[in-house]
Amino acid sequence: ATVRLMRSCADDAVSLRKELLVAFRHLCATELRYGFVDHIQDLVDEKVLVGGGYTCHETLRTLAYSTLADLIHHVRNRMSTRDIAAAVSLFSRNLHD
């Protein structure tokens, strides 16, 4: 449900997207994080994670990527090779930005 809310959230709704990211971070701190393994491909999509708006991108990028990094760190043993490759690609693009 969290990923669906992130996907349907408006691009310019910074405060709403921030609240979703904070809730996502809290969920990642519990055993519920393993439920997100099936949604890694959605989460490594920048439009889903950060949104398409300039303000969201600049304001929430740090929170979004650190939350995703925490999730990936905790579920890395359950991720497929495809998911790992997508995560490495996302973080590599972020480093070069």
PDB file of N, CA and C in Angstrom:
ATOM      1  N   ALA A   1       0.810  -1.191   0.000  1.00  0.00           N
ATOM      2  CA  ALA A   1       0.000   0.000   0.000  1.00  0.00           C
ATOM      3  C   ALA A   1       0.856   1.259   0.000  1.00  0.00           C
ATOM      4  N   THR A   2       2.002   1.209   0.689  1.00  0.00           N
ATOM      5  CA  THR A   2       2.883   2.373   0.747  1.00  0.00           C
ATOM      6  C   THR A   2       3.433   2.698  -0.631  1.00  0.00           C
ATOM      7  N   VAL A   3       3.837   1.678  -1.366  1.00  0.00           N
ATOM      8  CA  VAL A   3       4.376   1.903  -2.712  1.00  0.00           C
ATOM      9  C   VAL A   3       3.286   2.441  -3.628  1.00  0.00           C
ATOM     10  N   ARG A   4       2.073   1.941  -3.488  1.00  0.00           N
ATOM     11  CA  ARG A   4       0.953   2.433  -4.300  1.00  0.00           C
ATOM     12  C   ARG A   4       0.677   3.904  -4.003  1.00  0.00           C
ATOM     13  N   LEU A   5       0.751   4.287  -2.728  1.00  0.00           N
ATOM     14  CA  LEU A   5       0.555   5.695  -2.359  1.00  0.00           C
ATOM     15  C   LEU A   5       1.673   6.569  -2.931  1.00  0.00           C
ATOM     16  N   MET A   6       2.900   6.085  -2.910  1.00  0.00           N
ATOM     17  CA  MET A   6       4.012   6.852  -3.485  1.00  0.00           C
ATOM     18  C   MET A   6       3.829   7.019  -4.983  1.00  0.00           C
ATOM     19  N   ARG A   7       3.341   5.967  -5.621  1.00  0.00           N
ATOM     20  CA  ARG A   7       3.151   6.016  -7.066  1.00  0.00           C
ATOM     21  C   ARG A   7       2.033   6.984  -7.450  1.00  0.00           C
ATOM     22  N   SER A   8       0.990   7.063  -6.636  1.00  0.00           N
ATOM     23  CA  SER A   8      -0.159   7.911  -6.979  1.00  0.00           C
ATOM     24  C   SER A   8      -0.058   9.324  -6.407  1.00  0.00           C
ATOM     25  N   CYS A   9       0.950   9.594  -5.609  1.00  0.00           N
ATOM     26  CA  CYS A   9       1.123  10.921  -5.008  1.00  0.00           C
ATOM     27  C   CYS A   9       1.479  11.948  -6.088  1.00  0.00           C
ATOM     28  N   ALA A  10       0.936  13.133  -5.974  1.00  0.00           N
ATOM     29  CA  ALA A  10       1.213  14.193  -6.949  1.00  0.00           C
ATOM     30  C   ALA A  10       2.693  14.584  -6.913  1.00  0.00           C
ATOM     31  N   ASP A  11       3.220  14.968  -8.065  1.00  0.00           N
ATOM     32  CA  ASP A  11       4.643  15.314  -8.170  1.00  0.00           C
ATOM     33  C   ASP A  11       5.027  16.517  -7.322  1.00  0.00           C
ATOM     34  N   ASP A  12       4.111  17.430  -7.109  1.00  0.00           N
ATOM     35  CA  ASP A  12       4.454  18.656  -6.388  1.00  0.00           C
ATOM     36  C   ASP A  12       3.986  18.663  -4.932  1.00  0.00           C
ATOM     37  N   ALA A  13       3.538  17.525  -4.416  1.00  0.00           N
ATOM     38  CA  ALA A  13       3.061  17.429  -3.029  1.00  0.00           C
ATOM     39  C   ALA A  13       4.236  17.065  -2.114  1.00  0.00           C
ATOM     40  N   VAL A  14       5.063  18.053  -1.803  1.00  0.00           N
ATOM     41  CA  VAL A  14       6.292  17.814  -1.043  1.00  0.00           C
ATOM     42  C   VAL A  14       5.991  17.313   0.361  1.00  0.00           C
ATOM     43  N   SER A  15       5.097  17.964   1.066  1.00  0.00           N
ATOM     44  CA  SER A  15       4.836  17.577   2.454  1.00  0.00           C
ATOM     45  C   SER A  15       4.205  16.180   2.538  1.00  0.00           C
ATOM     46  N   LEU A  16       3.304  15.871   1.622  1.00  0.00           N
ATOM     47  CA  LEU A  16       2.680  14.549   1.611  1.00  0.00           C
ATOM     48  C   LEU A  16       3.715  13.469   1.302  1.00  0.00           C
ATOM     49  N   ARG A  17       4.543  13.718   0.311  1.00  0.00           N
ATOM     50  CA  ARG A  17       5.575  12.742  -0.052  1.00  0.00           C
ATOM     51  C   ARG A  17       6.587  12.568   1.085  1.00  0.00           C
ATOM     52  N   LYS A  18       6.885  13.653   1.802  1.00  0.00           N
ATOM     53  CA  LYS A  18       7.809  13.552   2.927  1.00  0.00           C
ATOM     54  C   LYS A  18       7.213  12.683   4.032  1.00  0.00           C
ATOM     55  N   GLU A  19       5.936  12.864   4.313  1.00  0.00           N
ATOM     56  CA  GLU A  19       5.264  12.034   5.316  1.00  0.00           C
ATOM     57  C   GLU A  19       5.259  10.562   4.904  1.00  0.00           C
ATOM     58  N   LEU A  20       5.059  10.299   3.617  1.00  0.00           N
ATOM     59  CA  LEU A  20       5.113   8.924   3.136  1.00  0.00           C
ATOM     60  C   LEU A  20       6.507   8.329   3.307  1.00  0.00           C
ATOM     61  N   LEU A  21       7.527   9.122   3.033  1.00  0.00           N
ATOM     62  CA  LEU A  21       8.903   8.641   3.199  1.00  0.00           C
ATOM     63  C   LEU A  21       9.239   8.374   4.662  1.00  0.00           C
ATOM     64  N   VAL A  22       8.750   9.221   5.551  1.00  0.00           N
ATOM     65  CA  VAL A  22       8.989   9.005   6.984  1.00  0.00           C
ATOM     66  C   VAL A  22       8.272   7.734   7.441  1.00  0.00           C
ATOM     67  N   ALA A  23       7.049   7.540   6.993  1.00  0.00           N
ATOM     68  CA  ALA A  23       6.318   6.316   7.328  1.00  0.00           C
ATOM     69  C   ALA A  23       7.028   5.091   6.752  1.00  0.00           C
ATOM     70  N   PHE A  24       7.526   5.222   5.531  1.00  0.00           N
ATOM     71  CA  PHE A  24       8.275   4.145   4.884  1.00  0.00           C
ATOM     72  C   PHE A  24       9.535   3.822   5.685  1.00  0.00           C
ATOM     73  N   ARG A  25      10.203   4.839   6.183  1.00  0.00           N
ATOM     74  CA  ARG A  25      11.407   4.637   6.992  1.00  0.00           C
ATOM     75  C   ARG A  25      11.079   3.882   8.287  1.00  0.00           C
ATOM     76  N   HIS A  26       9.968   4.233   8.914  1.00  0.00           N
ATOM     77  CA  HIS A  26       9.554   3.536  10.134  1.00  0.00           C
ATOM     78  C   HIS A  26       9.199   2.072   9.844  1.00  0.00           C
ATOM     79  N   LEU A  27       8.548   1.822   8.718  1.00  0.00           N
ATOM     80  CA  LEU A  27       8.227   0.450   8.341  1.00  0.00           C
ATOM     81  C   LEU A  27       9.488  -0.364   8.064  1.00  0.00           C
ATOM     82  N   CYS A  28      10.487   0.294   7.514  1.00  0.00           N
ATOM     83  CA  CYS A  28      11.747  -0.400   7.211  1.00  0.00           C
ATOM     84  C   CYS A  28      12.515  -0.759   8.474  1.00  0.00           C
ATOM     85  N   ALA A  29      12.187  -0.145   9.582  1.00  0.00           N
ATOM     86  CA  ALA A  29      12.856  -0.442  10.845  1.00  0.00           C
ATOM     87  C   ALA A  29      12.222  -1.636  11.553  1.00  0.00           C
ATOM     88  N   THR A  30      11.165  -2.197  10.999  1.00  0.00           N
ATOM     89  CA  THR A  30      10.491  -3.340  11.599  1.00  0.00           C
ATOM     90  C   THR A  30      10.646  -4.549  10.681  1.00  0.00           C
ATOM     91  N   GLU A  31      10.096  -5.656  11.097  1.00  0.00           N
ATOM     92  CA  GLU A  31      10.141  -6.865  10.274  1.00  0.00           C
ATOM     93  C   GLU A  31       9.268  -6.755   9.024  1.00  0.00           C
ATOM     94  N   LEU A  32       8.452  -5.725   8.956  1.00  0.00           N
ATOM     95  CA  LEU A  32       7.621  -5.509   7.770  1.00  0.00           C
ATOM     96  C   LEU A  32       8.451  -5.158   6.537  1.00  0.00           C
ATOM     97  N   ARG A  33       9.718  -4.837   6.744  1.00  0.00           N
ATOM     98  CA  ARG A  33      10.582  -4.456   5.617  1.00  0.00           C
ATOM     99  C   ARG A  33      10.698  -5.562   4.573  1.00  0.00           C
ATOM    100  N   TYR A  34      10.554  -6.818   4.996  1.00  0.00           N
ATOM    101  CA  TYR A  34      10.679  -7.920   4.043  1.00  0.00           C
ATOM    102  C   TYR A  34       9.525  -7.945   3.047  1.00  0.00           C
ATOM    103  N   GLY A  35       8.445  -7.285   3.357  1.00  0.00           N
ATOM    104  CA  GLY A  35       7.338  -7.171   2.412  1.00  0.00           C
ATOM    105  C   GLY A  35       7.645  -6.266   1.236  1.00  0.00           C
ATOM    106  N   PHE A  36       8.675  -5.440   1.367  1.00  0.00           N
ATOM    107  CA  PHE A  36       9.049  -4.526   0.285  1.00  0.00           C
ATOM    108  C   PHE A  36       9.984  -5.160  -0.738  1.00  0.00           C
ATOM    109  N   VAL A  37      10.463  -6.368  -0.466  1.00  0.00           N
ATOM    110  CA  VAL A  37      11.396  -7.025  -1.390  1.00  0.00           C
ATOM    111  C   VAL A  37      10.761  -7.181  -2.766  1.00  0.00           C
ATOM    112  N   ASP A  38       9.488  -7.490  -2.805  1.00  0.00           N
ATOM    113  CA  ASP A  38       8.794  -7.663  -4.088  1.00  0.00           C
ATOM    114  C   ASP A  38       8.593  -6.345  -4.827  1.00  0.00           C
ATOM    115  N   HIS A  39       8.815  -5.232  -4.161  1.00  0.00           N
ATOM    116  CA  HIS A  39       8.567  -3.913  -4.755  1.00  0.00           C
ATOM    117  C   HIS A  39       9.849  -3.111  -4.984  1.00  0.00           C
ATOM    118  N   ILE A  40      10.996  -3.759  -4.929  1.00  0.00           N
ATOM    119  CA  ILE A  40      12.268  -3.055  -5.109  1.00  0.00           C
ATOM    120  C   ILE A  40      12.320  -2.378  -6.480  1.00  0.00           C
ATOM    121  N   GLN A  41      11.841  -3.057  -7.507  1.00  0.00           N
ATOM    122  CA  GLN A  41      11.871  -2.469  -8.854  1.00  0.00           C
ATOM    123  C   GLN A  41      11.066  -1.173  -8.912  1.00  0.00           C
ATOM    124  N   ASP A  42       9.968  -1.106  -8.198  1.00  0.00           N
ATOM    125  CA  ASP A  42       9.183   0.126  -8.143  1.00  0.00           C
ATOM    126  C   ASP A  42       9.916   1.205  -7.354  1.00  0.00           C
ATOM    127  N   LEU A  43      10.555   0.808  -6.259  1.00  0.00           N
ATOM    128  CA  LEU A  43      11.207   1.777  -5.389  1.00  0.00           C
ATOM    129  C   LEU A  43      12.475   2.370  -5.990  1.00  0.00           C
ATOM    130  N   VAL A  44      13.132   1.650  -6.893  1.00  0.00           N
ATOM    131  CA  VAL A  44      14.331   2.218  -7.512  1.00  0.00           C
ATOM    132  C   VAL A  44      13.994   3.135  -8.685  1.00  0.00           C
ATOM    133  N   ASP A  45      12.716   3.283  -8.966  1.00  0.00           N
ATOM    134  CA  ASP A  45      12.272   4.255  -9.964  1.00  0.00           C
ATOM    135  C   ASP A  45      12.179   5.623  -9.285  1.00  0.00           C
ATOM    136  N   GLU A  46      12.946   6.576  -9.776  1.00  0.00           N
ATOM    137  CA  GLU A  46      12.994   7.901  -9.152  1.00  0.00           C
ATOM    138  C   GLU A  46      11.634   8.587  -9.121  1.00  0.00           C
ATOM    139  N   LYS A  47      10.833   8.372 -10.135  1.00  0.00           N
ATOM    140  CA  LYS A  47       9.502   8.993 -10.176  1.00  0.00           C
ATOM    141  C   LYS A  47       8.625   8.489  -9.029  1.00  0.00           C
ATOM    142  N   VAL A  48       8.781   7.237  -8.655  1.00  0.00           N
ATOM    143  CA  VAL A  48       8.005   6.677  -7.552  1.00  0.00           C
ATOM    144  C   VAL A  48       8.593   7.113  -6.221  1.00  0.00           C
ATOM    145  N   LEU A  49       9.898   7.015  -6.092  1.00  0.00           N
ATOM    146  CA  LEU A  49      10.553   7.278  -4.812  1.00  0.00           C
ATOM    147  C   LEU A  49      10.553   8.755  -4.445  1.00  0.00           C
ATOM    148  N   VAL A  50      10.988   9.609  -5.352  1.00  0.00           N
ATOM    149  CA  VAL A  50      11.151  11.034  -5.061  1.00  0.00           C
ATOM    150  C   VAL A  50      10.056  11.882  -5.686  1.00  0.00           C
ATOM    151  N   GLY A  51       9.506  11.434  -6.788  1.00  0.00           N
ATOM    152  CA  GLY A  51       8.519  12.227  -7.498  1.00  0.00           C
ATOM    153  C   GLY A  51       9.153  12.925  -8.684  1.00  0.00           C
ATOM    154  N   GLY A  52       8.330  13.467  -9.526  1.00  0.00           N
ATOM    155  CA  GLY A  52       8.821  14.103 -10.739  1.00  0.00           C
ATOM    156  C   GLY A  52       9.018  15.600 -10.635  1.00  0.00           C
ATOM    157  N   GLY A  53       8.557  16.199  -9.558  1.00  0.00           N
ATOM    158  CA  GLY A  53       8.675  17.650  -9.410  1.00  0.00           C
ATOM    159  C   GLY A  53      10.061  18.083  -8.974  1.00  0.00           C
ATOM    160  N   TYR A  54      10.452  19.261  -9.403  1.00  0.00           N
ATOM    161  CA  TYR A  54      11.777  19.795  -9.069  1.00  0.00           C
ATOM    162  C   TYR A  54      11.929  19.989  -7.562  1.00  0.00           C
ATOM    163  N   THR A  55      10.913  20.543  -6.914  1.00  0.00           N
ATOM    164  CA  THR A  55      10.986  20.806  -5.476  1.00  0.00           C
ATOM    165  C   THR A  55      11.100  19.505  -4.692  1.00  0.00           C
ATOM    166  N   CYS A  56      10.316  18.512  -5.056  1.00  0.00           N
ATOM    167  CA  CYS A  56      10.410  17.205  -4.387  1.00  0.00           C
ATOM    168  C   CYS A  56      11.792  16.603  -4.577  1.00  0.00           C
ATOM    169  N   HIS A  57      12.278  16.698  -5.795  1.00  0.00           N
ATOM    170  CA  HIS A  57      13.585  16.115  -6.096  1.00  0.00           C
ATOM    171  C   HIS A  57      14.679  16.760  -5.249  1.00  0.00           C
ATOM    172  N   GLU A  58      14.689  18.058  -5.185  1.00  0.00           N
ATOM    173  CA  GLU A  58      15.733  18.757  -4.431  1.00  0.00           C
ATOM    174  C   GLU A  58      15.555  18.653  -2.923  1.00  0.00           C
ATOM    175  N   THR A  59      14.326  18.624  -2.455  1.00  0.00           N
ATOM    176  CA  THR A  59      14.057  18.622  -1.018  1.00  0.00           C
ATOM    177  C   THR A  59      14.134  17.223  -0.408  1.00  0.00           C
ATOM    178  N   LEU A  60      13.610  16.235  -1.108  1.00  0.00           N
ATOM    179  CA  LEU A  60      13.443  14.913  -0.521  1.00  0.00           C
ATOM    180  C   LEU A  60      14.459  13.871  -0.968  1.00  0.00           C
ATOM    181  N   ARG A  61      15.326  14.247  -1.858  1.00  0.00           N
ATOM    182  CA  ARG A  61      16.258  13.270  -2.424  1.00  0.00           C
ATOM    183  C   ARG A  61      17.114  12.593  -1.360  1.00  0.00           C
ATOM    184  N   THR A  62      17.656  13.355  -0.427  1.00  0.00           N
ATOM    185  CA  THR A  62      18.517  12.792   0.609  1.00  0.00           C
ATOM    186  C   THR A  62      17.759  11.806   1.488  1.00  0.00           C
ATOM    187  N   LEU A  63      16.571  12.201   1.939  1.00  0.00           N
ATOM    188  CA  LEU A  63      15.756  11.323   2.780  1.00  0.00           C
ATOM    189  C   LEU A  63      15.364  10.055   2.024  1.00  0.00           C
ATOM    190  N   ALA A  64      14.962  10.211   0.789  1.00  0.00           N
ATOM    191  CA  ALA A  64      14.496   9.069   0.003  1.00  0.00           C
ATOM    192  C   ALA A  64      15.619   8.061  -0.232  1.00  0.00           C
ATOM    193  N   TYR A  65      16.790   8.541  -0.642  1.00  0.00           N
ATOM    194  CA  TYR A  65      17.877   7.620  -0.941  1.00  0.00           C
ATOM    195  C   TYR A  65      18.455   6.982   0.312  1.00  0.00           C
ATOM    196  N   SER A  66      18.502   7.704   1.412  1.00  0.00           N
ATOM    197  CA  SER A  66      19.009   7.088   2.645  1.00  0.00           C
ATOM    198  C   SER A  66      18.031   6.038   3.162  1.00  0.00           C
ATOM    199  N   THR A  67      16.736   6.286   3.034  1.00  0.00           N
ATOM    200  CA  THR A  67      15.738   5.304   3.441  1.00  0.00           C
ATOM    201  C   THR A  67      15.815   4.060   2.565  1.00  0.00           C
ATOM    202  N   LEU A  68      15.952   4.259   1.267  1.00  0.00           N
ATOM    203  CA  LEU A  68      16.073   3.125   0.359  1.00  0.00           C
ATOM    204  C   LEU A  68      17.356   2.347   0.627  1.00  0.00           C
ATOM    205  N   ALA A  69      18.442   3.047   0.922  1.00  0.00           N
ATOM    206  CA  ALA A  69      19.709   2.376   1.234  1.00  0.00           C
ATOM    207  C   ALA A  69      19.576   1.521   2.497  1.00  0.00           C
ATOM    208  N   ASP A  70      18.872   2.033   3.502  1.00  0.00           N
ATOM    209  CA  ASP A  70      18.638   1.249   4.716  1.00  0.00           C
ATOM    210  C   ASP A  70      17.835  -0.007   4.406  1.00  0.00           C
ATOM    211  N   LEU A  71      16.791   0.146   3.606  1.00  0.00           N
ATOM    212  CA  LEU A  71      15.980  -1.010   3.239  1.00  0.00           C
ATOM    213  C   LEU A  71      16.824  -2.044   2.501  1.00  0.00           C
ATOM    214  N   ILE A  72      17.568  -1.599   1.511  1.00  0.00           N
ATOM    215  CA  ILE A  72      18.376  -2.523   0.717  1.00  0.00           C
ATOM    216  C   ILE A  72      19.430  -3.213   1.581  1.00  0.00           C
ATOM    217  N   HIS A  73      20.003  -2.491   2.519  1.00  0.00           N
ATOM    218  CA  HIS A  73      20.990  -3.085   3.414  1.00  0.00           C
ATOM    219  C   HIS A  73      20.376  -4.232   4.223  1.00  0.00           C
ATOM    220  N   HIS A  74      19.167  -4.054   4.696  1.00  0.00           N
ATOM    221  CA  HIS A  74      18.544  -5.066   5.544  1.00  0.00           C
ATOM    222  C   HIS A  74      17.958  -6.253   4.779  1.00  0.00           C
ATOM    223  N   VAL A  75      17.590  -6.051   3.523  1.00  0.00           N
ATOM    224  CA  VAL A  75      16.962  -7.143   2.768  1.00  0.00           C
ATOM    225  C   VAL A  75      17.849  -7.661   1.641  1.00  0.00           C
ATOM    226  N   ARG A  76      19.097  -7.294   1.624  1.00  0.00           N
ATOM    227  CA  ARG A  76      19.976  -7.643   0.502  1.00  0.00           C
ATOM    228  C   ARG A  76      20.077  -9.148   0.267  1.00  0.00           C
ATOM    229  N   ASN A  77      19.971  -9.957   1.307  1.00  0.00           N
ATOM    230  CA  ASN A  77      20.067 -11.404   1.139  1.00  0.00           C
ATOM    231  C   ASN A  77      18.847 -11.999   0.451  1.00  0.00           C
ATOM    232  N   ARG A  78      17.759 -11.289   0.439  1.00  0.00           N
ATOM    233  CA  ARG A  78      16.511 -11.777  -0.180  1.00  0.00           C
ATOM    234  C   ARG A  78      16.267 -11.167  -1.555  1.00  0.00           C
ATOM    235  N   MET A  79      17.141 -10.286  -1.988  1.00  0.00           N
ATOM    236  CA  MET A  79      16.953  -9.607  -3.270  1.00  0.00           C
ATOM    237  C   MET A  79      17.476 -10.470  -4.419  1.00  0.00           C
ATOM    238  N   SER A  80      16.837 -10.324  -5.567  1.00  0.00           N
ATOM    239  CA  SER A  80      17.299 -11.025  -6.763  1.00  0.00           C
ATOM    240  C   SER A  80      18.459 -10.249  -7.386  1.00  0.00           C
ATOM    241  N   THR A  81      19.140 -10.885  -8.294  1.00  0.00           N
ATOM    242  CA  THR A  81      20.252 -10.235  -8.994  1.00  0.00           C
ATOM    243  C   THR A  81      19.754  -9.022  -9.773  1.00  0.00           C
ATOM    244  N   ARG A  82      18.582  -9.134 -10.340  1.00  0.00           N
ATOM    245  CA  ARG A  82      17.984  -8.022 -11.094  1.00  0.00           C
ATOM    246  C   ARG A  82      17.742  -6.823 -10.184  1.00  0.00           C
ATOM    247  N   ASP A  83      17.235  -7.071  -8.974  1.00  0.00           N
ATOM    248  CA  ASP A  83      16.984  -5.986  -8.019  1.00  0.00           C
ATOM    249  C   ASP A  83      18.281  -5.331  -7.559  1.00  0.00           C
ATOM    250  N   ILE A  84      19.296  -6.142  -7.315  1.00  0.00           N
ATOM    251  CA  ILE A  84      20.598  -5.608  -6.897  1.00  0.00           C
ATOM    252  C   ILE A  84      21.195  -4.746  -7.997  1.00  0.00           C
ATOM    253  N   ALA A  85      21.100  -5.224  -9.231  1.00  0.00           N
ATOM    254  CA  ALA A  85      21.630  -4.455 -10.362  1.00  0.00           C
ATOM    255  C   ALA A  85      20.883  -3.128 -10.512  1.00  0.00           C
ATOM    256  N   ALA A  86      19.580  -3.132 -10.327  1.00  0.00           N
ATOM    257  CA  ALA A  86      18.798  -1.896 -10.422  1.00  0.00           C
ATOM    258  C   ALA A  86      19.178  -0.923  -9.314  1.00  0.00           C
ATOM    259  N   ALA A  87      19.405  -1.433  -8.109  1.00  0.00           N
ATOM    260  CA  ALA A  87      19.796  -0.571  -6.988  1.00  0.00           C
ATOM    261  C   ALA A  87      21.183   0.016  -7.208  1.00  0.00           C
ATOM    262  N   VAL A  88      22.111  -0.795  -7.689  1.00  0.00           N
ATOM    263  CA  VAL A  88      23.467  -0.297  -7.967  1.00  0.00           C
ATOM    264  C   VAL A  88      23.415   0.769  -9.046  1.00  0.00           C
ATOM    265  N   SER A  89      22.615   0.550 -10.056  1.00  0.00           N
ATOM    266  CA  SER A  89      22.478   1.536 -11.128  1.00  0.00           C
ATOM    267  C   SER A  89      21.905   2.851 -10.599  1.00  0.00           C
ATOM    268  N   LEU A  90      20.884   2.771  -9.760  1.00  0.00           N
ATOM    269  CA  LEU A  90      20.274   3.976  -9.200  1.00  0.00           C
ATOM    270  C   LEU A  90      21.268   4.759  -8.356  1.00  0.00           C
ATOM    271  N   PHE A  91      21.972   4.082  -7.463  1.00  0.00           N
ATOM    272  CA  PHE A  91      22.902   4.783  -6.593  1.00  0.00           C
ATOM    273  C   PHE A  91      24.116   5.297  -7.362  1.00  0.00           C
ATOM    274  N   SER A  92      24.524   4.599  -8.409  1.00  0.00           N
ATOM    275  CA  SER A  92      25.624   5.078  -9.256  1.00  0.00           C
ATOM    276  C   SER A  92      25.236   6.350  -9.999  1.00  0.00           C
ATOM    277  N   ARG A  93      24.003   6.380 -10.531  1.00  0.00           N
ATOM    278  CA  ARG A  93      23.519   7.597 -11.202  1.00  0.00           C
ATOM    279  C   ARG A  93      23.446   8.755 -10.217  1.00  0.00           C
ATOM    280  N   ASN A  94      23.068   8.444  -8.990  1.00  0.00           N
ATOM    281  CA  ASN A  94      22.973   9.481  -7.957  1.00  0.00           C
ATOM    282  C   ASN A  94      24.352  10.039  -7.618  1.00  0.00           C
ATOM    283  N   LEU A  95      25.348   9.181  -7.588  1.00  0.00           N
ATOM    284  CA  LEU A  95      26.717   9.651  -7.318  1.00  0.00           C
ATOM    285  C   LEU A  95      27.230  10.566  -8.423  1.00  0.00           C
ATOM    286  N   HIS A  96      26.873  10.270  -9.656  1.00  0.00           N
ATOM    287  CA  HIS A  96      27.357  11.062 -10.788  1.00  0.00           C
ATOM    288  C   HIS A  96      26.542  12.324 -11.015  1.00  0.00           C
ATOM    289  N   ASP A  97      25.455  12.499 -10.280  1.00  0.00           N
ATOM    290  CA  ASP A  97      24.592  13.674 -10.451  1.00  0.00           C
ATOM    291  C   ASP A  97      25.201  14.873  -9.746  1.00  0.00           C
TER     292      ASP A  97
END
